[in-house]
Amino acid sequence: MNVTPRKLNTFTIFKLPAAYFCGVRTKYIDKAKCIVTVKHKWINQNPFKSMFWAVQGMAAEFSTGALMITKIKESGKRISMLVTSNNATFTKKATGRITFTCNDGVLMDNAIKKAIETGEGQTIWVKSIGINEEGIEVSTFNFEWSVKVKESF
């Protein structure tokens, strides 16, 4: 079963309802990148009439997490994944539709491969950049993901 934007958006309805109701939607995913958008609206705004930082974080994390889920599924192994750390930089008010892109599929492949080969947990830093409709960067999020092959019984 392939991971598609439609399946990921259905997943958010049932497993991440806050993200769904705030407007987080997957637009594109392949082996190298994932694109997630979110539109500024009343339900996800801060008092300064721009998008609340946590909503941006949900979209950014989902762009990295959806890609990681895809990579784990492709591996055929039972692998756990967890965000262990993150940081963000905000450079412009987030209004309109913000597009978050993670291009770190190859880095994820390498970390998963090493986790499978060694049996040890691996950590990897991945990035998601948020761009507004004018093509201007509004935020950058970095997430440290931990991956580990689950024990077989």
N, C-alpha and C. Protein backbone atom coordinates (compact mmCIF):
# COMPACT_ATOMS: atom_id res chain seq x y z
N MET A 1 0.84 -1.18 0.00
CA MET A 1 0.00 0.00 0.00
C MET A 1 0.89 1.25 0.00
N ASN A 2 0.69 2.12 -0.96
CA ASN A 2 1.46 3.34 -1.05
C ASN A 2 0.91 4.41 -0.12
N VAL A 3 1.82 5.23 0.39
CA VAL A 3 1.42 6.39 1.18
C VAL A 3 1.16 7.52 0.19
N THR A 4 -0.05 8.07 0.23
CA THR A 4 -0.43 9.14 -0.68
C THR A 4 -0.90 10.35 0.13
N PRO A 5 -0.92 11.53 -0.50
CA PRO A 5 -1.46 12.70 0.20
C PRO A 5 -2.88 12.47 0.72
N ARG A 6 -3.71 11.83 -0.07
CA ARG A 6 -5.09 11.58 0.36
C ARG A 6 -5.14 10.70 1.61
N LYS A 7 -4.35 9.64 1.63
CA LYS A 7 -4.31 8.76 2.80
C LYS A 7 -3.77 9.49 4.03
N LEU A 8 -2.76 10.32 3.83
CA LEU A 8 -2.21 11.09 4.94
C LEU A 8 -3.23 12.09 5.48
N ASN A 9 -4.00 12.72 4.59
CA ASN A 9 -5.01 13.68 5.03
C ASN A 9 -6.14 12.97 5.79
N THR A 10 -6.50 11.77 5.36
CA THR A 10 -7.50 10.98 6.09
C THR A 10 -6.95 10.59 7.46
N PHE A 11 -5.68 10.23 7.50
CA PHE A 11 -5.00 9.89 8.76
C PHE A 11 -5.11 11.04 9.76
N THR A 12 -4.94 12.27 9.29
CA THR A 12 -4.99 13.41 10.22
C THR A 12 -6.37 13.59 10.83
N ILE A 13 -7.42 13.28 10.08
CA ILE A 13 -8.78 13.40 10.63
C ILE A 13 -8.92 12.57 11.89
N PHE A 14 -8.43 11.32 11.85
CA PHE A 14 -8.64 10.38 12.95
C PHE A 14 -7.54 10.37 14.00
N LYS A 15 -6.30 10.64 13.59
CA LYS A 15 -5.17 10.54 14.53
C LYS A 15 -4.60 11.87 14.97
N LEU A 16 -4.81 12.93 14.18
CA LEU A 16 -4.30 14.26 14.50
C LEU A 16 -5.39 15.30 14.24
N PRO A 17 -6.52 15.20 14.95
CA PRO A 17 -7.64 16.09 14.63
C PRO A 17 -7.33 17.57 14.79
N ALA A 18 -6.47 17.95 15.73
CA ALA A 18 -6.12 19.37 15.88
C ALA A 18 -5.46 19.89 14.61
N ALA A 19 -4.56 19.10 14.04
CA ALA A 19 -3.91 19.50 12.79
C ALA A 19 -4.93 19.59 11.66
N TYR A 20 -5.83 18.62 11.59
CA TYR A 20 -6.83 18.64 10.53
C TYR A 20 -7.71 19.89 10.63
N PHE A 21 -8.23 20.17 11.82
CA PHE A 21 -9.14 21.30 11.98
C PHE A 21 -8.42 22.65 11.80
N CYS A 22 -7.12 22.68 12.03
CA CYS A 22 -6.35 23.91 11.79
C CYS A 22 -6.00 24.08 10.32
N GLY A 23 -6.25 23.05 9.49
CA GLY A 23 -6.04 23.17 8.05
C GLY A 23 -4.78 22.56 7.50
N VAL A 24 -4.08 21.74 8.27
CA VAL A 24 -2.85 21.09 7.80
C VAL A 24 -3.22 20.03 6.76
N ARG A 25 -2.65 20.15 5.55
CA ARG A 25 -2.94 19.21 4.47
C ARG A 25 -1.67 18.84 3.71
N THR A 26 -1.52 17.54 3.44
CA THR A 26 -0.41 17.07 2.63
C THR A 26 -0.77 17.28 1.17
N LYS A 27 0.13 17.88 0.41
CA LYS A 27 -0.10 18.14 -1.01
C LYS A 27 0.71 17.22 -1.92
N TYR A 28 1.89 16.79 -1.45
CA TYR A 28 2.76 15.99 -2.32
C TYR A 28 3.72 15.19 -1.46
N ILE A 29 4.00 13.96 -1.88
CA ILE A 29 5.02 13.16 -1.22
C ILE A 29 5.63 12.21 -2.24
N ASP A 30 6.94 12.09 -2.19
CA ASP A 30 7.66 11.09 -2.98
C ASP A 30 8.83 10.58 -2.14
N LYS A 31 9.79 9.91 -2.75
CA LYS A 31 10.89 9.32 -2.00
C LYS A 31 11.86 10.35 -1.41
N ALA A 32 11.87 11.55 -1.96
CA ALA A 32 12.84 12.56 -1.54
C ALA A 32 12.24 13.69 -0.71
N LYS A 33 10.95 14.01 -0.94
CA LYS A 33 10.40 15.18 -0.26
C LYS A 33 8.92 15.03 0.04
N CYS A 34 8.48 15.89 0.95
CA CYS A 34 7.07 15.97 1.31
C CYS A 34 6.69 17.44 1.43
N ILE A 35 5.53 17.78 0.87
CA ILE A 35 5.03 19.15 0.91
C ILE A 35 3.69 19.17 1.64
N VAL A 36 3.62 20.02 2.66
CA VAL A 36 2.42 20.17 3.48
C VAL A 36 2.06 21.65 3.52
N THR A 37 0.77 21.96 3.40
CA THR A 37 0.35 23.35 3.46
C THR A 37 -0.61 23.58 4.63
N VAL A 38 -0.71 24.83 5.01
CA VAL A 38 -1.70 25.26 6.00
C VAL A 38 -2.03 26.72 5.68
N LYS A 39 -3.31 27.04 5.74
CA LYS A 39 -3.75 28.41 5.42
C LYS A 39 -4.11 29.16 6.69
N HIS A 40 -3.62 30.39 6.78
CA HIS A 40 -3.96 31.26 7.91
C HIS A 40 -5.46 31.53 7.88
N LYS A 41 -6.12 31.27 9.01
CA LYS A 41 -7.54 31.57 9.16
C LYS A 41 -7.84 31.82 10.63
N TRP A 42 -9.05 32.15 10.92
CA TRP A 42 -9.44 32.53 12.27
C TRP A 42 -9.05 31.47 13.31
N ILE A 43 -9.29 30.20 13.02
CA ILE A 43 -9.08 29.14 14.01
C ILE A 43 -7.61 28.93 14.35
N ASN A 44 -6.69 29.35 13.50
CA ASN A 44 -5.27 29.08 13.76
C ASN A 44 -4.43 30.36 13.91
N GLN A 45 -5.10 31.47 14.17
CA GLN A 45 -4.35 32.73 14.28
C GLN A 45 -3.96 33.04 15.73
N ASN A 46 -2.98 33.90 15.84
CA ASN A 46 -2.55 34.42 17.13
C ASN A 46 -3.16 35.81 17.31
N PRO A 47 -2.94 36.47 18.43
CA PRO A 47 -3.52 37.81 18.63
C PRO A 47 -2.98 38.88 17.68
N PHE A 48 -1.93 38.57 16.95
CA PHE A 48 -1.30 39.54 16.05
C PHE A 48 -1.75 39.34 14.60
N LYS A 49 -2.81 38.57 14.42
CA LYS A 49 -3.42 38.33 13.11
C LYS A 49 -2.47 37.64 12.12
N SER A 50 -1.67 36.74 12.65
CA SER A 50 -0.88 35.86 11.80
C SER A 50 -1.03 34.45 12.35
N MET A 51 -0.45 33.48 11.67
CA MET A 51 -0.60 32.10 12.07
C MET A 51 0.18 31.81 13.36
N PHE A 52 -0.48 31.15 14.30
CA PHE A 52 0.11 30.75 15.56
C PHE A 52 1.31 29.85 15.28
N TRP A 53 2.39 30.05 16.01
CA TRP A 53 3.62 29.30 15.76
C TRP A 53 3.42 27.79 15.87
N ALA A 54 2.56 27.35 16.77
CA ALA A 54 2.35 25.91 16.98
C ALA A 54 1.67 25.27 15.76
N VAL A 55 0.82 26.01 15.08
CA VAL A 55 0.17 25.49 13.87
C VAL A 55 1.23 25.32 12.78
N GLN A 56 2.12 26.29 12.67
CA GLN A 56 3.23 26.14 11.72
C GLN A 56 4.05 24.90 12.08
N GLY A 57 4.27 24.71 13.38
CA GLY A 57 5.03 23.55 13.84
C GLY A 57 4.36 22.24 13.49
N MET A 58 3.03 22.18 13.60
CA MET A 58 2.31 20.96 13.23
C MET A 58 2.52 20.64 11.76
N ALA A 59 2.39 21.65 10.90
CA ALA A 59 2.56 21.43 9.47
C ALA A 59 4.00 21.04 9.14
N ALA A 60 4.95 21.72 9.76
CA ALA A 60 6.36 21.43 9.51
C ALA A 60 6.71 20.02 9.98
N GLU A 61 6.28 19.67 11.19
CA GLU A 61 6.57 18.33 11.71
C GLU A 61 5.93 17.26 10.83
N PHE A 62 4.71 17.52 10.38
CA PHE A 62 4.04 16.52 9.55
C PHE A 62 4.77 16.30 8.24
N SER A 63 5.38 17.36 7.69
CA SER A 63 6.14 17.18 6.44
C SER A 63 7.33 16.26 6.65
N THR A 64 7.93 16.32 7.83
CA THR A 64 9.07 15.42 8.12
C THR A 64 8.57 14.04 8.54
N GLY A 65 7.53 14.01 9.36
CA GLY A 65 7.02 12.74 9.88
C GLY A 65 6.38 11.88 8.81
N ALA A 66 5.64 12.49 7.89
CA ALA A 66 5.02 11.72 6.81
C ALA A 66 6.09 11.08 5.94
N LEU A 67 7.15 11.81 5.69
CA LEU A 67 8.26 11.27 4.90
C LEU A 67 8.93 10.12 5.65
N MET A 68 9.11 10.29 6.97
CA MET A 68 9.72 9.22 7.77
C MET A 68 8.82 7.97 7.78
N ILE A 69 7.51 8.16 7.92
CA ILE A 69 6.57 7.03 7.89
C ILE A 69 6.71 6.27 6.57
N THR A 70 6.81 7.00 5.47
CA THR A 70 6.96 6.39 4.15
C THR A 70 8.24 5.57 4.07
N LYS A 71 9.32 6.14 4.59
CA LYS A 71 10.61 5.44 4.55
C LYS A 71 10.59 4.17 5.40
N ILE A 72 9.97 4.25 6.56
CA ILE A 72 9.88 3.08 7.43
C ILE A 72 9.04 2.00 6.76
N LYS A 73 7.94 2.39 6.17
CA LYS A 73 7.06 1.44 5.46
C LYS A 73 7.83 0.75 4.34
N GLU A 74 8.62 1.51 3.58
CA GLU A 74 9.41 0.95 2.48
C GLU A 74 10.45 -0.05 2.98
N SER A 75 10.95 0.15 4.20
CA SER A 75 11.99 -0.73 4.73
C SER A 75 11.48 -2.14 5.01
N GLY A 76 10.18 -2.26 5.25
CA GLY A 76 9.60 -3.57 5.58
C GLY A 76 9.87 -4.02 7.00
N LYS A 77 10.51 -3.19 7.80
CA LYS A 77 10.84 -3.53 9.19
C LYS A 77 9.90 -2.80 10.14
N ARG A 78 9.82 -3.32 11.36
CA ARG A 78 9.08 -2.65 12.43
C ARG A 78 10.04 -1.68 13.10
N ILE A 79 9.84 -0.39 12.86
CA ILE A 79 10.75 0.64 13.36
C ILE A 79 9.95 1.70 14.09
N SER A 80 10.41 2.05 15.28
CA SER A 80 9.75 3.13 16.03
C SER A 80 10.40 4.45 15.64
N MET A 81 9.61 5.53 15.73
CA MET A 81 10.10 6.86 15.41
C MET A 81 9.58 7.83 16.45
N LEU A 82 10.42 8.80 16.80
CA LEU A 82 10.05 9.76 17.84
C LEU A 82 10.84 11.05 17.63
N VAL A 83 10.14 12.19 17.76
CA VAL A 83 10.85 13.47 17.76
C VAL A 83 11.48 13.63 19.14
N THR A 84 12.79 13.83 19.18
CA THR A 84 13.49 13.96 20.46
C THR A 84 13.90 15.40 20.77
N SER A 85 13.90 16.25 19.73
CA SER A 85 14.26 17.64 19.94
C SER A 85 13.81 18.44 18.71
N ASN A 86 13.62 19.73 18.91
CA ASN A 86 13.32 20.58 17.75
C ASN A 86 13.67 22.03 18.06
N ASN A 87 13.80 22.82 17.01
CA ASN A 87 13.97 24.26 17.14
C ASN A 87 13.39 24.92 15.90
N ALA A 88 13.13 26.21 16.02
CA ALA A 88 12.53 26.93 14.89
C ALA A 88 13.01 28.36 14.86
N THR A 89 12.96 28.93 13.66
CA THR A 89 13.28 30.33 13.44
C THR A 89 12.14 30.94 12.63
N PHE A 90 11.68 32.11 13.07
CA PHE A 90 10.58 32.79 12.40
C PHE A 90 11.11 34.10 11.83
N THR A 91 10.91 34.31 10.52
CA THR A 91 11.51 35.47 9.87
C THR A 91 10.49 36.45 9.30
N LYS A 92 9.22 36.07 9.23
CA LYS A 92 8.18 36.94 8.70
C LYS A 92 6.83 36.47 9.22
N LYS A 93 5.87 37.39 9.34
CA LYS A 93 4.51 37.02 9.75
C LYS A 93 3.95 35.99 8.78
N ALA A 94 3.34 34.96 9.31
CA ALA A 94 2.76 33.90 8.48
C ALA A 94 1.29 34.21 8.23
N THR A 95 0.99 34.69 7.04
CA THR A 95 -0.38 34.95 6.62
C THR A 95 -0.58 34.31 5.24
N GLY A 96 -1.83 34.05 4.89
CA GLY A 96 -2.10 33.37 3.62
C GLY A 96 -1.78 31.90 3.75
N ARG A 97 -1.51 31.27 2.62
CA ARG A 97 -1.17 29.84 2.62
C ARG A 97 0.33 29.68 2.77
N ILE A 98 0.73 28.87 3.75
CA ILE A 98 2.15 28.60 4.00
C ILE A 98 2.43 27.16 3.56
N THR A 99 3.49 27.00 2.79
CA THR A 99 3.87 25.69 2.27
C THR A 99 5.16 25.25 2.94
N PHE A 100 5.09 24.11 3.63
CA PHE A 100 6.26 23.54 4.30
C PHE A 100 6.80 22.38 3.47
N THR A 101 8.10 22.43 3.20
CA THR A 101 8.73 21.39 2.40
C THR A 101 9.91 20.79 3.15
N CYS A 102 9.91 19.47 3.21
CA CYS A 102 11.05 18.72 3.74
C CYS A 102 11.66 17.96 2.57
N ASN A 103 12.96 18.17 2.34
CA ASN A 103 13.69 17.53 1.24
C ASN A 103 14.73 16.52 1.73
N ASP A 104 14.52 15.95 2.91
CA ASP A 104 15.56 15.14 3.54
C ASP A 104 15.33 13.63 3.46
N GLY A 105 14.66 13.18 2.41
CA GLY A 105 14.40 11.74 2.25
C GLY A 105 15.65 10.89 2.22
N VAL A 106 16.70 11.36 1.56
CA VAL A 106 17.94 10.59 1.47
C VAL A 106 18.58 10.43 2.86
N LEU A 107 18.57 11.51 3.66
CA LEU A 107 19.12 11.43 5.02
C LEU A 107 18.35 10.40 5.85
N MET A 108 17.03 10.38 5.67
CA MET A 108 16.20 9.41 6.40
C MET A 108 16.52 7.99 5.96
N ASP A 109 16.70 7.78 4.66
CA ASP A 109 17.08 6.45 4.15
C ASP A 109 18.35 5.96 4.83
N ASN A 110 19.34 6.83 4.92
CA ASN A 110 20.62 6.45 5.52
C ASN A 110 20.49 6.10 7.00
N ALA A 111 19.71 6.89 7.74
CA ALA A 111 19.53 6.62 9.17
C ALA A 111 18.78 5.31 9.39
N ILE A 112 17.75 5.05 8.60
CA ILE A 112 16.99 3.81 8.74
C ILE A 112 17.86 2.61 8.37
N LYS A 113 18.63 2.74 7.30
CA LYS A 113 19.52 1.66 6.88
C LYS A 113 20.52 1.34 7.98
N LYS A 114 21.10 2.37 8.59
CA LYS A 114 22.08 2.16 9.65
C LYS A 114 21.42 1.53 10.88
N ALA A 115 20.19 1.95 11.21
CA ALA A 115 19.47 1.37 12.35
C ALA A 115 19.21 -0.12 12.11
N ILE A 116 18.87 -0.48 10.90
CA ILE A 116 18.61 -1.89 10.56
C ILE A 116 19.91 -2.69 10.62
N GLU A 117 20.98 -2.15 10.06
CA GLU A 117 22.27 -2.86 10.01
C GLU A 117 22.88 -3.06 11.39
N THR A 118 22.79 -2.04 12.23
CA THR A 118 23.47 -2.10 13.53
C THR A 118 22.56 -2.58 14.66
N GLY A 119 21.25 -2.45 14.48
CA GLY A 119 20.32 -2.78 15.57
C GLY A 119 20.28 -1.71 16.64
N GLU A 120 20.99 -0.62 16.43
CA GLU A 120 21.03 0.48 17.40
C GLU A 120 20.17 1.63 16.91
N GLY A 121 19.63 2.36 17.86
CA GLY A 121 18.85 3.55 17.53
C GLY A 121 19.72 4.59 16.86
N GLN A 122 19.12 5.34 15.96
CA GLN A 122 19.83 6.39 15.24
C GLN A 122 19.05 7.69 15.39
N THR A 123 19.76 8.80 15.40
CA THR A 123 19.09 10.10 15.39
C THR A 123 19.51 10.85 14.14
N ILE A 124 18.61 11.69 13.69
CA ILE A 124 18.86 12.46 12.47
C ILE A 124 18.14 13.80 12.59
N TRP A 125 18.81 14.88 12.18
CA TRP A 125 18.19 16.20 12.13
C TRP A 125 17.68 16.43 10.71
N VAL A 126 16.40 16.80 10.61
CA VAL A 126 15.81 17.12 9.31
C VAL A 126 15.16 18.51 9.39
N LYS A 127 14.98 19.12 8.23
CA LYS A 127 14.51 20.50 8.16
C LYS A 127 13.23 20.60 7.33
N SER A 128 12.36 21.51 7.73
CA SER A 128 11.19 21.87 6.95
C SER A 128 11.12 23.39 6.88
N ILE A 129 11.04 23.90 5.67
CA ILE A 129 11.03 25.35 5.46
C ILE A 129 9.64 25.79 5.03
N GLY A 130 9.12 26.83 5.70
CA GLY A 130 7.81 27.38 5.39
C GLY A 130 7.93 28.61 4.51
N ILE A 131 7.23 28.58 3.39
CA ILE A 131 7.27 29.66 2.40
C ILE A 131 5.85 30.19 2.20
N ASN A 132 5.69 31.51 2.14
CA ASN A 132 4.35 32.07 1.92
C ASN A 132 4.03 32.10 0.42
N GLU A 133 2.86 32.64 0.09
CA GLU A 133 2.41 32.66 -1.31
C GLU A 133 3.27 33.53 -2.21
N GLU A 134 4.00 34.46 -1.64
CA GLU A 134 4.91 35.31 -2.42
C GLU A 134 6.28 34.67 -2.60
N GLY A 135 6.47 33.49 -2.05
CA GLY A 135 7.76 32.81 -2.16
C GLY A 135 8.77 33.24 -1.12
N ILE A 136 8.30 33.92 -0.07
CA ILE A 136 9.19 34.41 0.98
C ILE A 136 9.17 33.43 2.15
N GLU A 137 10.37 33.11 2.65
CA GLU A 137 10.49 32.21 3.80
C GLU A 137 9.93 32.89 5.05
N VAL A 138 9.01 32.20 5.73
CA VAL A 138 8.44 32.75 6.97
C VAL A 138 8.96 32.02 8.20
N SER A 139 9.32 30.75 8.05
CA SER A 139 9.84 30.00 9.20
C SER A 139 10.62 28.78 8.73
N THR A 140 11.53 28.35 9.59
CA THR A 140 12.30 27.13 9.38
C THR A 140 12.25 26.32 10.65
N PHE A 141 11.88 25.06 10.52
CA PHE A 141 11.82 24.15 11.66
C PHE A 141 12.82 23.03 11.46
N ASN A 142 13.52 22.68 12.52
CA ASN A 142 14.44 21.55 12.54
C ASN A 142 13.94 20.55 13.56
N PHE A 143 13.88 19.29 13.16
CA PHE A 143 13.41 18.23 14.05
C PHE A 143 14.46 17.14 14.14
N GLU A 144 14.75 16.72 15.36
CA GLU A 144 15.62 15.57 15.56
C GLU A 144 14.74 14.35 15.73
N TRP A 145 14.81 13.44 14.77
CA TRP A 145 14.05 12.20 14.83
C TRP A 145 14.95 11.07 15.31
N SER A 146 14.40 10.23 16.14
CA SER A 146 15.07 9.01 16.58
C SER A 146 14.35 7.83 15.94
N VAL A 147 15.11 6.91 15.35
CA VAL A 147 14.53 5.70 14.78
C VAL A 147 15.24 4.49 15.37
N LYS A 148 14.45 3.46 15.66
CA LYS A 148 15.02 2.25 16.25
C LYS A 148 14.20 1.05 15.81
N VAL A 149 14.90 -0.01 15.42
CA VAL A 149 14.22 -1.24 15.03
C VAL A 149 13.62 -1.86 16.28
N LYS A 150 12.35 -2.23 16.19
CA LYS A 150 11.65 -2.85 17.32
C LYS A 150 12.09 -4.29 17.48
N GLU A 151 12.12 -4.74 18.72
CA GLU A 151 12.49 -6.11 19.04
C GLU A 151 11.46 -7.07 18.47
N SER A 152 11.94 -8.18 17.94
CA SER A 152 11.04 -9.26 17.47
C SER A 152 10.88 -10.28 18.58
N PHE A 153 9.68 -10.79 18.72
CA PHE A 153 9.43 -11.80 19.75
C PHE A 153 9.08 -13.12 19.15
